[in-house]
Protein backbone atom coordinates (compact mmCIF):
# COMPACT_ATOMS: atom_id res chain seq x y z
CA MET A 1 7.20 -5.86 7.46
CA LYS A 2 5.50 -3.08 9.83
CA ASP A 3 4.69 -0.11 8.51
CA LEU A 4 5.44 2.19 11.42
CA ARG A 5 3.46 4.92 9.87
CA ILE A 6 0.22 2.84 10.54
CA GLU A 7 1.31 2.19 13.85
CA GLN A 8 1.68 5.77 14.58
CA LEU A 9 -1.65 7.06 12.82
CA ALA A 10 -3.36 4.28 15.45
CA ARG A 11 -2.01 5.92 18.30
CA ASN A 12 -2.87 9.05 17.01
CA VAL A 13 -6.40 7.98 16.93
CA ALA A 14 -6.72 6.33 20.19
CA THR A 15 -4.93 8.34 22.58
CA TYR A 16 -5.67 12.06 20.78
CA SER A 17 -8.55 12.20 18.47
CA VAL A 18 -10.69 10.19 20.88
CA ASN A 19 -8.70 10.14 23.60
CA LEU A 20 -9.65 6.92 25.35
CA GLN A 21 -9.22 5.99 29.07
CA LYS A 22 -9.21 2.70 30.62
CA GLY A 23 -12.61 1.53 30.76
CA GLU A 24 -14.32 3.17 27.80
CA LYS A 25 -15.91 1.42 25.04
CA LEU A 26 -14.99 1.74 21.38
CA LEU A 27 -17.02 0.88 18.55
CA ILE A 28 -14.71 0.58 15.16
CA GLU A 29 -16.72 0.65 12.07
CA VAL A 30 -15.12 -0.18 8.62
CA GLU A 31 -16.49 0.82 5.76
CA GLY A 32 -14.78 -1.82 3.31
CA HIS A 33 -12.20 -4.53 4.10
CA ASP A 34 -9.52 -2.98 5.76
CA SER A 35 -8.20 -4.95 8.67
CA VAL A 36 -4.92 -3.65 9.67
CA LEU A 37 -5.57 0.04 10.75
CA ALA A 38 -8.46 -1.45 12.52
CA LYS A 39 -6.34 -4.36 14.15
CA ALA A 40 -3.75 -0.95 14.96
CA ILE A 41 -6.06 0.70 16.47
CA MET A 42 -7.65 -2.29 18.74
CA LEU A 43 -4.40 -3.30 19.85
CA GLU A 44 -3.82 0.80 20.54
CA ALA A 45 -7.03 0.47 22.97
CA TYR A 46 -5.91 -2.42 24.89
CA ASN A 47 -2.83 -0.75 25.48
CA VAL A 48 -4.85 2.15 27.64
CA GLY A 49 -7.39 -0.63 29.00
CA ALA A 50 -10.52 0.34 26.79
CA TYR A 51 -12.24 -2.21 25.01
CA PRO A 52 -12.73 -2.33 21.49
CA PHE A 53 -15.43 -3.38 19.18
CA VAL A 54 -15.39 -3.86 15.62
CA ILE A 55 -17.94 -4.06 12.70
CA PHE A 56 -17.35 -4.34 9.05
CA THR A 57 -20.10 -2.75 6.23
CA ASP A 58 -19.40 -3.99 3.05
CA LYS A 59 -21.20 -1.41 0.50
CA ASP A 60 -22.06 -4.12 -2.09
CA ILE A 61 -24.25 -5.56 0.84
CA LEU A 62 -25.87 -2.24 1.87
CA ARG A 63 -26.73 -1.64 -1.70
CA THR A 64 -28.55 -4.47 -1.98
CA GLN A 65 -30.50 -4.35 1.37
CA LEU A 66 -31.22 -0.72 0.58
CA ILE A 67 -32.82 -1.82 -2.78
CA ASN A 68 -34.91 -4.13 -1.16
CA SER A 69 -35.65 -3.16 2.43
CA SER A 70 -39.01 -2.09 3.75
CA LEU A 71 -39.64 1.51 5.81
CA GLU A 72 -40.32 -1.25 8.72
CA GLN A 73 -36.65 -3.12 8.27
CA LEU A 74 -34.51 -0.12 8.46
CA GLU A 75 -36.59 1.00 11.66
CA ARG A 76 -35.54 -2.48 13.26
CA LEU A 77 -32.27 -2.32 12.30
CA ALA A 78 -31.88 1.25 13.61
CA SER A 79 -33.53 0.30 16.64
CA TYR A 80 -31.10 -2.55 17.15
CA ASP A 81 -27.85 -0.56 16.13
CA PHE A 82 -29.13 2.53 17.99
CA VAL A 83 -28.34 0.34 20.99
CA ARG A 84 -24.90 -0.24 20.65
CA MET A 85 -23.99 3.20 19.51
CA ASN A 86 -25.44 4.48 22.77
CA ASP A 87 -23.53 2.26 24.81
CA MET A 88 -20.23 3.26 23.47
CA ASP A 89 -18.08 5.83 24.58
CA ALA A 90 -16.12 6.35 21.59
CA TYR A 91 -16.18 5.64 17.59
CA VAL A 92 -14.12 5.49 14.67
CA LEU A 93 -15.09 5.10 11.16
CA ILE A 94 -12.52 3.67 8.91
CA ARG A 95 -13.48 4.37 4.97
CA ALA A 96 -11.94 1.46 2.96
CA ASP A 97 -14.49 0.97 0.02
CA ALA A 98 -13.06 -0.51 -3.31
CA ASN A 99 -15.74 1.44 -5.07
CA GLU A 100 -17.37 4.75 -3.69
CA SER A 101 -19.85 4.64 -6.15
CA GLU A 102 -21.31 1.20 -5.15
CA LEU A 103 -24.66 2.98 -4.00
CA SER A 104 -24.84 5.38 -6.95
CA ASP A 105 -27.98 3.28 -8.31
CA VAL A 106 -29.68 3.01 -5.68
CA PRO A 107 -33.00 4.96 -6.18
CA SER A 108 -32.72 8.33 -4.61
CA GLU A 109 -35.79 7.63 -2.43
CA LYS A 110 -34.22 4.84 -0.45
CA ILE A 111 -31.43 6.73 -0.03
CA ASP A 112 -33.11 9.12 1.28
CA GLN A 113 -35.20 6.70 3.69
CA TYR A 114 -31.57 5.27 4.91
CA TRP A 115 -30.58 8.75 5.80
CA LYS A 116 -33.18 9.88 7.89
CA VAL A 117 -35.03 6.30 8.94
CA TYR A 118 -31.47 4.55 9.74
CA TYR A 119 -28.63 6.64 9.91
CA HIS A 120 -29.01 10.27 11.43
CA HIS A 121 -31.23 8.07 14.63
CA VAL A 122 -28.45 5.61 14.88
CA HIS A 123 -25.67 8.57 15.37
CA GLU A 124 -27.43 10.58 17.29
CA PRO A 125 -25.36 9.37 20.51
CA ARG A 126 -22.54 9.57 18.85
CA TRP A 127 -23.15 13.37 18.02
CA ALA A 128 -24.25 14.10 21.38
CA LYS A 129 -22.19 12.50 23.61
CA THR A 130 -19.51 10.26 22.11
CA LYS A 131 -15.76 10.96 21.07
CA TRP A 132 -15.39 9.84 17.88
CA CYS A 133 -13.22 10.38 14.64
CA ILE A 134 -13.79 9.57 10.84
CA LEU A 135 -10.95 9.31 8.46
CA SER A 136 -10.24 7.27 5.32
CA TYR A 137 -7.78 4.55 4.32
CA PRO A 138 -5.07 4.50 1.52
CA THR A 139 -6.86 1.60 -0.75
CA PRO A 140 -5.71 1.20 -4.51
CA ALA A 141 -9.20 2.66 -5.24
CA ALA A 142 -8.54 5.89 -2.93
CA ALA A 143 -4.99 6.11 -5.16
CA GLN A 144 -7.08 5.57 -8.40
CA ARG A 145 -9.67 8.48 -7.24
CA ALA A 146 -6.67 10.67 -6.53
CA MET A 147 -5.02 9.56 -9.60
CA MET A 148 -1.94 8.65 -7.92
CA SER A 149 0.30 5.33 -7.70
CA THR A 150 -0.84 3.37 -4.84
CA GLU A 151 2.75 4.16 -2.98
CA LYS A 152 2.59 7.48 -3.91
CA PHE A 153 -0.82 8.00 -2.18
CA GLU A 154 0.56 6.36 0.69
CA ASP A 155 3.29 8.50 1.33
CA PHE A 156 0.53 11.60 0.75
CA TYR A 157 -2.01 9.78 2.84
CA PHE A 158 0.23 9.70 5.99
CA SER A 159 2.01 13.12 5.68
CA VAL A 160 -1.25 14.62 5.98
CA CYS A 161 -2.70 12.32 8.78
CA ASN A 162 0.45 12.09 10.90
CA LEU A 163 0.61 16.03 11.51
CA ASP A 164 1.46 17.18 14.84
CA TYR A 165 -2.35 18.49 14.98
CA SER A 166 -1.58 20.04 18.61
CA LYS A 167 0.83 21.94 17.13
CA LEU A 168 -1.52 23.14 14.61
CA SER A 169 -4.49 23.88 16.50
CA GLU A 170 -2.48 26.08 18.74
CA GLN A 171 -1.63 27.96 15.73
CA MET A 172 -5.50 28.00 14.54
CA ASP A 173 -6.80 30.20 17.57
CA VAL A 174 -5.65 33.48 16.20
CA LEU A 175 -8.07 32.77 13.34
CA VAL A 176 -11.03 31.35 15.60
CA ASN A 177 -10.62 34.63 17.50
CA LEU A 178 -10.94 36.90 14.64
CA LEU A 179 -13.90 35.44 13.21
CA SER A 180 -15.60 35.34 16.64
CA LYS A 181 -15.53 38.83 16.63
CA THR A 182 -16.65 39.25 12.96
CA ASP A 183 -19.81 40.16 11.50
CA LYS A 184 -19.71 40.81 7.98
CA VAL A 185 -17.81 38.13 5.65
CA ARG A 186 -17.26 38.81 2.10
CA ILE A 187 -15.80 35.94 -0.76
CA LYS A 188 -14.58 37.30 -4.04
CA GLY A 189 -12.97 35.38 -6.72
CA GLU A 190 -13.50 34.41 -10.36
CA GLY A 191 -17.32 34.35 -11.11
CA THR A 192 -17.70 34.52 -7.01
CA ASP A 193 -19.24 37.81 -5.19
CA LEU A 194 -20.93 36.38 -1.87
CA THR A 195 -21.30 38.10 1.35
CA MET A 196 -22.62 36.31 4.64
CA SER A 197 -23.23 37.35 8.29
CA ILE A 198 -21.70 35.27 11.37
CA LYS A 199 -21.96 37.71 14.26
CA GLY A 200 -22.88 35.74 16.98
CA MET A 201 -22.49 32.50 15.71
CA PRO A 202 -19.81 29.35 16.67
CA VAL A 203 -16.60 29.28 15.42
CA ARG A 204 -14.82 25.90 15.63
CA LYS A 205 -11.43 24.76 14.59
CA ASP A 206 -10.84 20.90 13.33
CA ALA A 207 -7.45 19.71 14.57
CA GLY A 208 -7.08 15.99 14.49
CA LEU A 209 -10.05 15.64 16.84
CA GLN A 210 -13.01 14.29 14.53
CA ASN A 211 -11.78 14.11 10.99
CA LEU A 212 -8.04 12.75 9.84
CA PRO A 213 -6.78 14.81 7.76
CA ASP A 214 -7.83 17.54 9.42
CA GLY A 215 -6.94 21.10 9.58
CA GLU A 216 -9.81 23.96 9.17
CA VAL A 217 -11.54 26.80 10.97
CA TYR A 218 -15.23 26.85 10.49
CA CYS A 219 -18.28 28.85 11.86
CA VAL A 220 -22.29 28.68 11.10
CA PRO A 221 -23.57 31.38 8.86
CA ILE A 222 -26.65 33.13 10.32
CA LYS A 223 -29.16 31.14 7.79
CA HIS A 224 -31.14 34.07 5.95
CA SER A 225 -27.67 36.14 5.74
CA LEU A 226 -26.20 34.68 2.55
CA ASN A 227 -26.27 36.59 -0.86
CA GLY A 228 -24.46 36.41 -4.21
CA MET A 229 -23.11 33.97 -6.34
CA ILE A 230 -20.14 31.30 -5.67
CA SER A 231 -18.58 29.19 -8.25
CA PHE A 232 -16.99 26.45 -6.59
CA ASN A 233 -14.01 24.79 -8.45
CA SER A 234 -13.37 21.28 -7.09
CA PRO A 235 -15.30 18.28 -7.65
CA VAL A 236 -17.36 16.64 -4.54
CA ASN A 237 -18.66 13.15 -4.43
CA PHE A 238 -22.09 12.86 -3.11
CA ARG A 239 -23.50 9.74 -2.15
CA GLY A 240 -22.24 7.88 -5.11
CA THR A 241 -22.19 10.99 -7.88
CA THR A 242 -19.16 13.12 -8.45
CA PHE A 243 -20.45 16.85 -9.12
CA ASP A 244 -18.05 19.82 -10.67
CA ASN A 245 -18.47 23.15 -12.05
CA ILE A 246 -21.25 23.72 -9.20
CA VAL A 247 -22.33 27.54 -9.62
CA LEU A 248 -24.93 28.60 -6.48
CA THR A 249 -26.60 31.66 -6.52
CA PHE A 250 -28.30 33.13 -3.17
CA GLU A 251 -30.84 35.11 -2.42
CA HIS A 252 -31.57 36.08 1.69
CA GLY A 253 -29.90 32.80 1.96
CA LYS A 254 -31.89 30.46 0.10
CA ILE A 255 -30.04 28.91 -3.05
CA ILE A 256 -32.27 30.32 -5.67
CA GLU A 257 -30.21 28.94 -8.64
CA ALA A 258 -27.69 26.13 -8.98
CA LYS A 259 -25.40 24.63 -12.06
CA ALA A 260 -23.41 21.62 -12.07
CA ASN A 261 -21.68 19.06 -14.60
CA ASN A 262 -25.16 17.35 -13.84
CA THR A 263 -27.50 19.96 -12.97
CA ALA A 264 -30.67 17.84 -12.95
CA LYS A 265 -29.34 15.31 -10.19
CA PHE A 266 -28.12 18.21 -8.27
CA LEU A 267 -31.26 19.96 -8.15
CA GLU A 268 -32.24 16.30 -6.81
CA ILE A 269 -30.23 17.18 -3.96
CA LEU A 270 -31.79 20.61 -3.02
CA GLU A 271 -34.89 19.01 -2.73
CA ILE A 272 -34.08 16.76 -0.34
CA ASP A 273 -35.85 18.98 2.28
CA GLU A 274 -36.60 22.76 3.27
CA GLY A 275 -32.88 22.81 4.69
CA ALA A 276 -31.13 21.28 2.07
CA ARG A 277 -31.41 24.93 -0.02
CA TYR A 278 -29.77 26.91 2.92
CA ILE A 279 -25.96 26.90 4.16
CA GLY A 280 -25.14 25.38 7.53
CA GLU A 281 -21.26 25.90 7.43
CA PHE A 282 -18.86 28.08 5.80
CA GLY A 283 -15.13 26.90 6.63
CA ILE A 284 -11.37 27.98 5.77
CA GLY A 285 -8.90 25.15 4.70
CA LEU A 286 -5.65 25.19 6.49
CA ASN A 287 -3.68 21.85 6.43
CA PRO A 288 -0.65 22.84 4.64
CA ASN A 289 0.58 19.79 3.05
CA ILE A 290 -3.18 19.67 1.34
CA SER A 291 -2.66 21.74 -1.94
CA GLU A 292 -4.69 19.56 -4.60
CA PRO A 293 -8.17 18.36 -4.46
CA ILE A 294 -8.68 14.46 -4.83
CA ASN A 295 -12.48 13.74 -4.91
CA ASP A 296 -12.67 13.00 -0.91
CA ILE A 297 -14.17 15.78 1.10
CA LEU A 298 -12.07 14.47 4.05
CA PHE A 299 -9.12 15.77 2.40
CA ASP A 300 -10.13 18.60 0.08
CA GLU A 301 -12.13 20.60 2.36
CA LYS A 302 -8.78 20.87 4.29
CA ILE A 303 -6.89 22.23 1.14
CA TRP A 304 -4.85 25.50 2.10
CA GLY A 305 -6.05 28.94 0.11
CA SER A 306 -9.74 27.18 0.45
CA ILE A 307 -12.54 27.84 1.89
CA HIS A 308 -16.10 25.28 1.80
CA LEU A 309 -19.75 26.12 2.39
CA ALA A 310 -21.72 22.95 3.36
CA ILE A 311 -25.29 22.79 2.29
CA GLY A 312 -27.90 21.61 4.76
CA SER A 313 -27.47 21.19 8.35
CA ALA A 314 -25.13 23.07 10.67
CA PRO A 315 -22.24 21.07 12.10
CA VAL A 316 -23.00 22.62 15.62
CA GLN A 317 -26.98 23.26 16.76
CA CYS A 318 -27.11 27.13 17.91
CA LYS A 319 -29.77 29.41 17.43
CA ASP A 320 -30.76 30.38 13.62
CA SER A 321 -28.92 27.62 12.17
CA ASN A 322 -29.94 25.14 9.49
CA LEU A 323 -31.30 21.96 10.07
CA SER A 324 -31.46 19.04 7.19
CA SER A 325 -30.99 15.68 6.67
CA ILE A 326 -27.88 16.44 4.68
CA HIS A 327 -24.38 18.13 4.94
CA LEU A 328 -22.69 18.67 1.72
CA ASP A 329 -19.31 20.49 1.97
CA ILE A 330 -18.39 21.85 -1.76
CA VAL A 331 -14.88 23.55 -1.86
CA TYR A 332 -13.57 26.70 -3.58
CA ILE A 333 -9.98 27.00 -3.94
CA GLN A 334 -8.87 30.77 -4.16
CA ARG A 335 -4.98 30.33 -4.97
CA ALA A 336 -3.79 32.13 -8.09
CA ASP A 337 -3.34 28.47 -9.77
CA TYR A 338 -6.96 27.90 -9.47
CA GLY A 339 -8.28 31.56 -10.37
CA GLY A 340 -7.15 33.57 -7.21
CA GLY A 341 -9.61 35.38 -4.92
CA GLN A 342 -10.27 36.79 -1.48
CA ILE A 343 -11.39 37.00 1.83
CA TRP A 344 -12.89 39.65 3.40
CA LEU A 345 -13.94 40.05 7.15
CA ASP A 346 -15.93 43.19 7.90
CA ASP A 347 -14.45 45.21 5.01
CA VAL A 348 -10.70 44.03 5.71
CA LEU A 349 -9.09 41.94 3.07
CA ILE A 350 -7.78 39.11 5.31
CA ARG A 351 -6.54 36.68 2.68
CA GLU A 352 -5.78 37.05 -1.23
CA ASN A 353 -5.03 34.17 -3.68
CA GLY A 354 -4.69 31.52 -0.77
CA TYR A 355 -2.75 33.60 1.20
CA PHE A 356 -3.37 35.54 4.44
CA VAL A 357 -2.02 38.67 4.41
CA THR A 358 -2.74 40.26 7.70
CA LYS A 359 0.63 39.85 10.45
CA GLU A 360 -1.52 38.05 12.84
CA LEU A 361 -2.67 35.43 10.45
CA GLU A 362 0.33 35.11 8.58
CA ILE A 363 1.27 31.86 11.03
CA LEU A 364 -1.35 30.15 9.14
CA ASN A 365 0.48 30.58 5.74
CA PRO A 366 1.93 26.81 4.45
CA ASN A 367 4.97 28.50 3.77
CA THR A 368 5.43 29.65 7.86
CA THR A 369 3.42 27.17 9.49
CA LYS A 370 5.83 24.74 11.13
CA ILE A 371 4.01 21.19 12.59
């Protein structure tokens, strides 16, 4: 029996997220063993006259390769795969891992070498010129991570991935316009009082084009403007390790103190390069159908009533932005059931305990958002 939800999602990815056109080339990469969604996206590509190509990445094989590969081999592999990526008009990544922690015991220097030598080189053309979208697939492993039955997780997954993102995109414009005119941002809450400046910096909305699920407005803080402390209350998985209860202290933009459930491992991340101690992104979660963290950042950074900061590189390159080989989003939920919190823009309170309090932004509250 066909699952019409998969067909709808595939159609949304092909015709909206990457907006495939006749004659364009699409690379579909599957991390894991999903074939259902990959096949459905292939068929949608063929329907519009595009040319789909599919590759599979097995994390167990990748683990063996990373542990044993030399720098020279990674450089050769990167040179081959760069040619393929550079030839594409669109790229879709489907994350369908059976074990998200498969790479957790790979030595950190090997992981770092892979990201710097292989990943960033291969994906350079994607970031520069290729239409792209990253999404997860509702595997039993993903359901287990979310502490849901597989059926319940599938229902949740399709409810958030098959939103009318074109409608949400229109509703986000008012927040984009407000942030574009903002200088000082202040984040307050339990164990949190953090200020930063976003004056003159890029502000963007994510509404189903490059991530599914989606639903956030983000901007690039001025690199040296962050001061204060923030206590995150949502777990995040980074390169196979889950971190929780992260507390960061900033001085002139730099992280000068960090604590977590695994502080020693987290401090290793901050030493990857100079940019790893600075912030590249400040985002506000707006998806009305995502309310609880499931330890998958594609979902968690869109939680309504949340904000997130990304350690490392900025998603948009611009003046005074931060550069790093990593981009690690960490989520702070400000709803009353998570301890509450506030967002102030230029000394004006715009959101309290997860709800926007100014009339112009009320349309983004989950009880009024209609999509």
